[in-house]
Amino acid sequence: MNIYLNDIPVEINPDTYLHALRDEKKSGADILIINGFPQTKDQRLQEDDRVVMIRRGEQPTPDELEALMMARHTPGVHEKIKQARVGIAGIGGLGSNVAIALTRVGIGQLDIADFDVVEPSNLNRQQYFIDQIGMPKVEALSDILKRINPAVKVNGHNKKVTPENLTAIFGTVDILVEAFDAAAEKAMLTNHFLQLYPNKYLVAASGVAGYEPSNSIRTRKISKYFYLCGDGVTAAAPGYGLMAPRVGIAAHHQANTVLRLLLNEPLD
């Protein structure tokens, strides 16, 4: 009989019970889960059961953690995205959310770039913590991403992105995410990247401020290799700031667009 133990296929006898399997495979495990439900009583295992055994306080091995994190993916997805390299220009409200989403799906490599430090005002929408105030964002986010999924390789560039260093920072990525705040920086990156790399995808964002309706944020195909997420209208202004919910919605539009492009899924 076949089951999955910590999402690794295992062959067992048909009359195997949960506690006996624990004693054999992971003695001392104090959290036992079958098919997503914690179990407090012993029971006979069934064909194709998914069993997770955890020793409280113990970290899984890297291979075990990766298998457990990717267990809910559609079969075949992880093999494709693990080979991908994605760049994120700007790791504020949009970029930090995109980076975390892609790290949780198991992207192979992230190249992140930002010259800023974590400020108290960032905490209203950006994925940083109060004890990281004053740290360079590249260092702070790299630490967070490694805590989430150490299998993802993170290359951090603590510098301002310019036309002169664009190739050095993002020249080898498969897809670039534009996540700047300022309109001039957005235009600079968009124009130069699409000119330098006409056959690489750019996923940008525009119009994410305030607390307008969630469904006004859309993903639009601007050209063959250029996608834009947001409502295209609502810019930040005095008295009309950037807030976590809409920024997060737009960022996850960007992350999902990256994922679908990597999987060759249509976005039209």
Protein backbone atom coordinates (compact mmCIF):
# COMPACT_ATOMS: atom_id res chain seq x y z
CA MET A 1 0.00 0.00 0.00
CA ASN A 2 1.28 3.48 -0.85
CA ILE A 3 0.97 6.65 1.23
CA TYR A 4 2.78 9.99 1.36
CA LEU A 5 4.84 10.69 4.45
CA ASN A 6 5.82 14.35 4.68
CA ASP A 7 4.92 14.38 0.98
CA ILE A 8 7.42 11.71 0.03
CA PRO A 9 5.92 8.45 -1.40
CA VAL A 10 6.29 5.54 1.02
CA GLU A 11 5.21 1.90 0.66
CA ILE A 12 3.75 0.36 3.85
CA ASN A 13 1.85 -2.77 4.89
CA PRO A 14 -1.95 -2.53 4.48
CA ASP A 15 -2.52 -2.97 8.22
CA THR A 16 -0.13 -0.20 9.34
CA TYR A 17 -1.35 2.14 12.07
CA LEU A 18 -0.41 5.78 12.51
CA HIS A 19 1.47 5.42 15.80
CA ALA A 20 3.44 2.42 14.59
CA LEU A 21 4.51 4.39 11.52
CA ARG A 22 5.54 7.29 13.73
CA ASP A 23 7.63 5.01 15.96
CA GLU A 24 9.34 3.57 12.89
CA LYS A 25 9.85 6.66 10.76
CA LYS A 26 9.94 9.67 13.11
CA SER A 27 10.09 8.67 16.73
CA GLY A 28 9.14 11.49 19.06
CA ALA A 29 6.95 13.33 16.57
CA ASP A 30 4.27 15.08 18.62
CA ILE A 31 2.16 16.55 15.80
CA LEU A 32 0.51 13.99 13.52
CA ILE A 33 -1.60 15.09 10.56
CA ILE A 34 -3.57 12.93 8.14
CA ASN A 35 -4.99 14.53 5.00
CA GLY A 36 -4.77 17.98 6.51
CA PHE A 37 -6.39 17.15 9.87
CA PRO A 38 -4.47 16.88 13.19
CA GLN A 39 -4.92 13.47 14.82
CA THR A 40 -4.89 12.71 18.54
CA LYS A 41 -5.89 9.02 18.31
CA ASP A 42 -4.25 6.07 16.64
CA GLN A 43 -5.88 4.78 13.44
CA ARG A 44 -5.26 2.47 10.53
CA LEU A 45 -3.84 4.20 7.46
CA GLN A 46 -5.53 4.05 4.07
CA GLU A 47 -4.24 3.99 0.49
CA ASP A 48 -2.91 7.39 -0.65
CA ASP A 49 -3.20 8.98 2.79
CA ARG A 50 -1.04 12.08 3.18
CA VAL A 51 0.65 11.91 6.56
CA VAL A 52 2.69 14.72 8.05
CA MET A 53 4.79 14.13 11.17
CA ILE A 54 6.39 17.02 13.04
CA ARG A 55 8.57 17.22 16.10
CA ARG A 56 7.61 20.47 17.77
CA GLY A 57 10.43 22.99 17.38
CA GLU A 58 12.36 20.95 14.83
CA GLN A 59 12.97 22.37 11.37
CA PRO A 60 12.52 20.01 8.41
CA THR A 61 15.50 19.25 6.19
CA PRO A 62 15.72 21.50 3.10
CA ASP A 63 14.43 18.72 0.81
CA GLU A 64 11.62 17.84 3.20
CA LEU A 65 10.60 21.49 3.59
CA GLU A 66 10.53 22.01 -0.16
CA ALA A 67 8.38 18.92 -0.66
CA LEU A 68 5.96 20.01 2.06
CA MET A 69 5.68 23.58 0.80
CA MET A 70 5.02 22.52 -2.78
CA ALA A 71 2.64 19.69 -1.92
CA ARG A 72 -0.46 21.67 -2.89
CA HIS A 73 0.82 22.71 -6.31
CA THR A 74 -0.70 21.23 -9.41
CA PRO A 75 1.57 18.35 -10.51
CA GLY A 76 4.35 19.56 -12.79
CA VAL A 77 4.17 23.20 -11.72
CA HIS A 78 7.08 23.20 -9.31
CA GLU A 79 9.51 21.64 -11.77
CA LYS A 80 8.92 24.55 -14.17
CA ILE A 81 9.04 27.48 -11.77
CA LYS A 82 12.06 26.14 -9.89
CA GLN A 83 14.10 26.79 -13.04
CA ALA A 84 12.96 30.43 -13.35
CA ARG A 85 14.83 33.62 -12.53
CA VAL A 86 12.73 36.71 -11.81
CA GLY A 87 13.88 40.29 -11.20
CA ILE A 88 12.08 42.80 -8.97
CA ALA A 89 12.96 46.47 -9.37
CA GLY A 90 11.92 48.20 -6.15
CA ILE A 91 10.98 46.25 -3.03
CA GLY A 92 8.55 48.56 -1.30
CA GLY A 93 4.81 47.93 -1.10
CA LEU A 94 4.54 46.21 -4.46
CA GLY A 95 7.95 44.57 -4.66
CA SER A 96 8.08 43.11 -1.15
CA ASN A 97 4.64 41.55 -1.62
CA VAL A 98 5.57 40.14 -5.04
CA ALA A 99 8.80 38.71 -3.65
CA ILE A 100 7.05 36.93 -0.79
CA ALA A 101 4.36 35.49 -3.07
CA LEU A 102 6.94 34.14 -5.52
CA THR A 103 9.07 32.78 -2.69
CA ARG A 104 6.09 30.86 -1.33
CA VAL A 105 5.43 29.27 -4.73
CA GLY A 106 9.09 28.21 -4.92
CA ILE A 107 10.55 30.35 -7.69
CA GLY A 108 14.12 29.31 -8.40
CA GLN A 109 15.89 32.66 -8.10
CA LEU A 110 14.97 36.26 -7.29
CA ASP A 111 17.12 39.26 -8.19
CA ILE A 112 15.94 42.19 -6.05
CA ALA A 113 17.13 45.80 -6.23
CA ASP A 114 16.47 48.86 -4.06
CA PHE A 115 18.65 51.58 -2.53
CA ASP A 116 16.26 52.52 0.30
CA VAL A 117 16.14 51.62 4.00
CA VAL A 118 13.15 50.45 6.04
CA GLU A 119 11.30 53.43 7.54
CA PRO A 120 8.43 53.45 10.07
CA SER A 121 6.00 54.73 7.41
CA ASN A 122 6.78 51.69 5.24
CA LEU A 123 5.13 49.35 7.73
CA ASN A 124 1.62 50.40 6.68
CA ARG A 125 1.88 48.35 3.46
CA GLN A 126 5.35 46.82 3.04
CA GLN A 127 6.34 43.38 4.27
CA TYR A 128 8.89 44.44 6.86
CA PHE A 129 8.99 44.34 10.66
CA ILE A 130 9.50 46.97 13.31
CA ASP A 131 12.85 45.53 14.36
CA GLN A 132 14.11 46.02 10.77
CA ILE A 133 13.69 49.81 10.80
CA GLY A 134 16.90 51.40 9.54
CA MET A 135 18.09 48.29 7.70
CA PRO A 136 18.65 48.41 3.92
CA LYS A 137 15.51 46.94 2.38
CA VAL A 138 17.57 44.49 0.32
CA GLU A 139 19.09 43.00 3.49
CA ALA A 140 15.80 43.01 5.40
CA LEU A 141 13.79 41.33 2.63
CA SER A 142 16.54 38.78 1.93
CA ASP A 143 16.37 37.73 5.58
CA ILE A 144 12.57 37.41 5.43
CA LEU A 145 12.61 35.38 2.22
CA LYS A 146 15.22 32.97 3.58
CA ARG A 147 13.06 32.42 6.67
CA ILE A 148 10.09 31.55 4.43
CA ASN A 149 11.80 29.31 1.89
CA PRO A 150 15.57 28.79 2.04
CA ALA A 151 15.44 26.84 -1.25
CA VAL A 152 14.91 30.10 -3.16
CA LYS A 153 18.15 31.82 -4.18
CA VAL A 154 18.05 35.57 -3.54
CA ASN A 155 20.49 38.02 -5.13
CA GLY A 156 20.25 41.45 -3.53
CA HIS A 157 21.45 44.69 -5.13
CA ASN A 158 21.53 47.58 -2.67
CA LYS A 159 21.66 50.32 -5.29
CA LYS A 160 19.51 52.62 -7.38
CA VAL A 161 18.52 51.13 -10.73
CA THR A 162 19.66 53.31 -13.62
CA PRO A 163 19.92 52.90 -17.40
CA GLU A 164 23.65 52.32 -16.91
CA ASN A 165 23.37 49.39 -14.48
CA LEU A 166 20.10 47.87 -15.70
CA THR A 167 21.84 45.14 -17.68
CA ALA A 168 24.26 44.27 -14.88
CA ILE A 169 21.39 43.84 -12.40
CA PHE A 170 18.60 42.34 -14.50
CA GLY A 171 20.16 41.23 -17.78
CA THR A 172 19.85 37.51 -17.02
CA VAL A 173 16.30 37.38 -15.61
CA ASP A 174 13.49 35.61 -17.43
CA ILE A 175 10.87 38.15 -16.33
CA LEU A 176 11.24 41.59 -14.71
CA VAL A 177 8.72 43.06 -12.27
CA GLU A 178 8.57 46.87 -12.14
CA ALA A 179 7.63 47.94 -8.60
CA PHE A 180 8.77 51.55 -8.26
CA ASP A 181 6.74 54.33 -6.64
CA ALA A 182 7.77 57.34 -8.76
CA ALA A 183 6.30 57.78 -12.23
CA ALA A 184 9.64 58.91 -13.68
CA GLU A 185 11.39 55.76 -12.44
CA LYS A 186 8.59 53.58 -13.79
CA ALA A 187 8.89 55.20 -17.21
CA MET A 188 12.70 54.91 -17.19
CA LEU A 189 12.66 51.21 -16.39
CA THR A 190 9.86 50.37 -18.80
CA ASN A 191 11.37 52.21 -21.75
CA HIS A 192 14.92 50.98 -21.28
CA PHE A 193 14.11 47.37 -20.44
CA LEU A 194 11.72 46.85 -23.34
CA GLN A 195 14.24 48.49 -25.65
CA LEU A 196 17.19 46.43 -24.41
CA TYR A 197 15.27 43.15 -24.14
CA PRO A 198 12.40 43.17 -26.65
CA ASN A 199 11.76 39.44 -26.15
CA LYS A 200 11.62 39.43 -22.34
CA TYR A 201 8.50 40.01 -20.28
CA LEU A 202 8.01 43.10 -18.13
CA VAL A 203 5.20 43.13 -15.55
CA ALA A 204 4.56 46.65 -14.27
CA ALA A 205 1.97 48.35 -12.04
CA SER A 206 0.12 51.66 -12.17
CA GLY A 207 -2.86 52.99 -10.21
CA VAL A 208 -2.87 51.26 -6.81
CA ALA A 209 -3.45 54.09 -4.32
CA GLY A 210 -6.26 54.65 -1.84
CA TYR A 211 -9.16 52.35 -1.04
CA GLU A 212 -11.07 52.23 -4.31
CA PRO A 213 -12.97 49.03 -5.18
CA SER A 214 -10.82 45.92 -5.34
CA ASN A 215 -12.18 44.85 -8.72
CA SER A 216 -11.01 48.04 -10.38
CA ILE A 217 -7.51 46.55 -10.31
CA ARG A 218 -6.95 44.55 -13.48
CA THR A 219 -4.13 42.92 -15.42
CA ARG A 220 -3.88 44.29 -18.95
CA LYS A 221 -1.75 43.20 -21.86
CA ILE A 222 -0.21 46.36 -23.28
CA SER A 223 1.97 44.62 -25.87
CA LYS A 224 3.30 41.13 -26.54
CA TYR A 225 5.86 41.31 -23.73
CA PHE A 226 4.45 44.08 -21.52
CA TYR A 227 1.73 43.63 -18.88
CA LEU A 228 0.33 46.31 -16.58
CA CYS A 229 -1.47 45.68 -13.27
CA GLY A 230 -3.63 48.25 -11.46
CA ASP A 231 -6.43 50.60 -12.42
CA GLY A 232 -4.08 52.93 -14.30
CA VAL A 233 -5.56 56.01 -12.65
CA THR A 234 -5.33 56.31 -8.86
CA ALA A 235 -1.90 57.70 -8.07
CA ALA A 236 -0.78 58.58 -4.55
CA ALA A 237 -1.29 62.25 -3.61
CA PRO A 238 -1.48 64.35 -0.43
CA GLY A 239 -4.42 63.02 1.57
CA TYR A 240 -4.72 60.00 -0.72
CA GLY A 241 -2.02 57.55 0.20
CA LEU A 242 -0.89 54.02 -0.50
CA MET A 243 -2.62 51.45 1.69
CA ALA A 244 -1.94 47.77 2.29
CA PRO A 245 -5.10 46.18 0.78
CA ARG A 246 -5.01 47.67 -2.74
CA VAL A 247 -1.23 47.62 -2.94
CA GLY A 248 -1.33 43.94 -1.96
CA ILE A 249 -4.03 43.17 -4.54
CA ALA A 250 -1.99 44.78 -7.32
CA ALA A 251 1.20 43.05 -6.18
CA HIS A 252 -0.51 39.67 -6.27
CA HIS A 253 -1.82 40.47 -9.74
CA GLN A 254 1.82 40.97 -10.71
CA ALA A 255 2.99 37.78 -9.00
CA ASN A 256 0.21 35.73 -10.58
CA THR A 257 0.99 37.22 -13.99
CA VAL A 258 4.63 36.14 -13.56
CA LEU A 259 3.50 32.66 -12.58
CA ARG A 260 1.16 32.30 -15.55
CA LEU A 261 3.80 33.54 -17.98
CA LEU A 262 6.31 31.03 -16.65
CA LEU A 263 3.73 28.27 -17.07
CA ASN A 264 2.82 29.43 -20.59
CA GLU A 265 -0.76 30.07 -19.56
CA PRO A 266 -2.78 32.64 -21.56
CA LEU A 267 -3.42 36.01 -19.88
CA ASP A 268 -5.73 37.55 -22.47
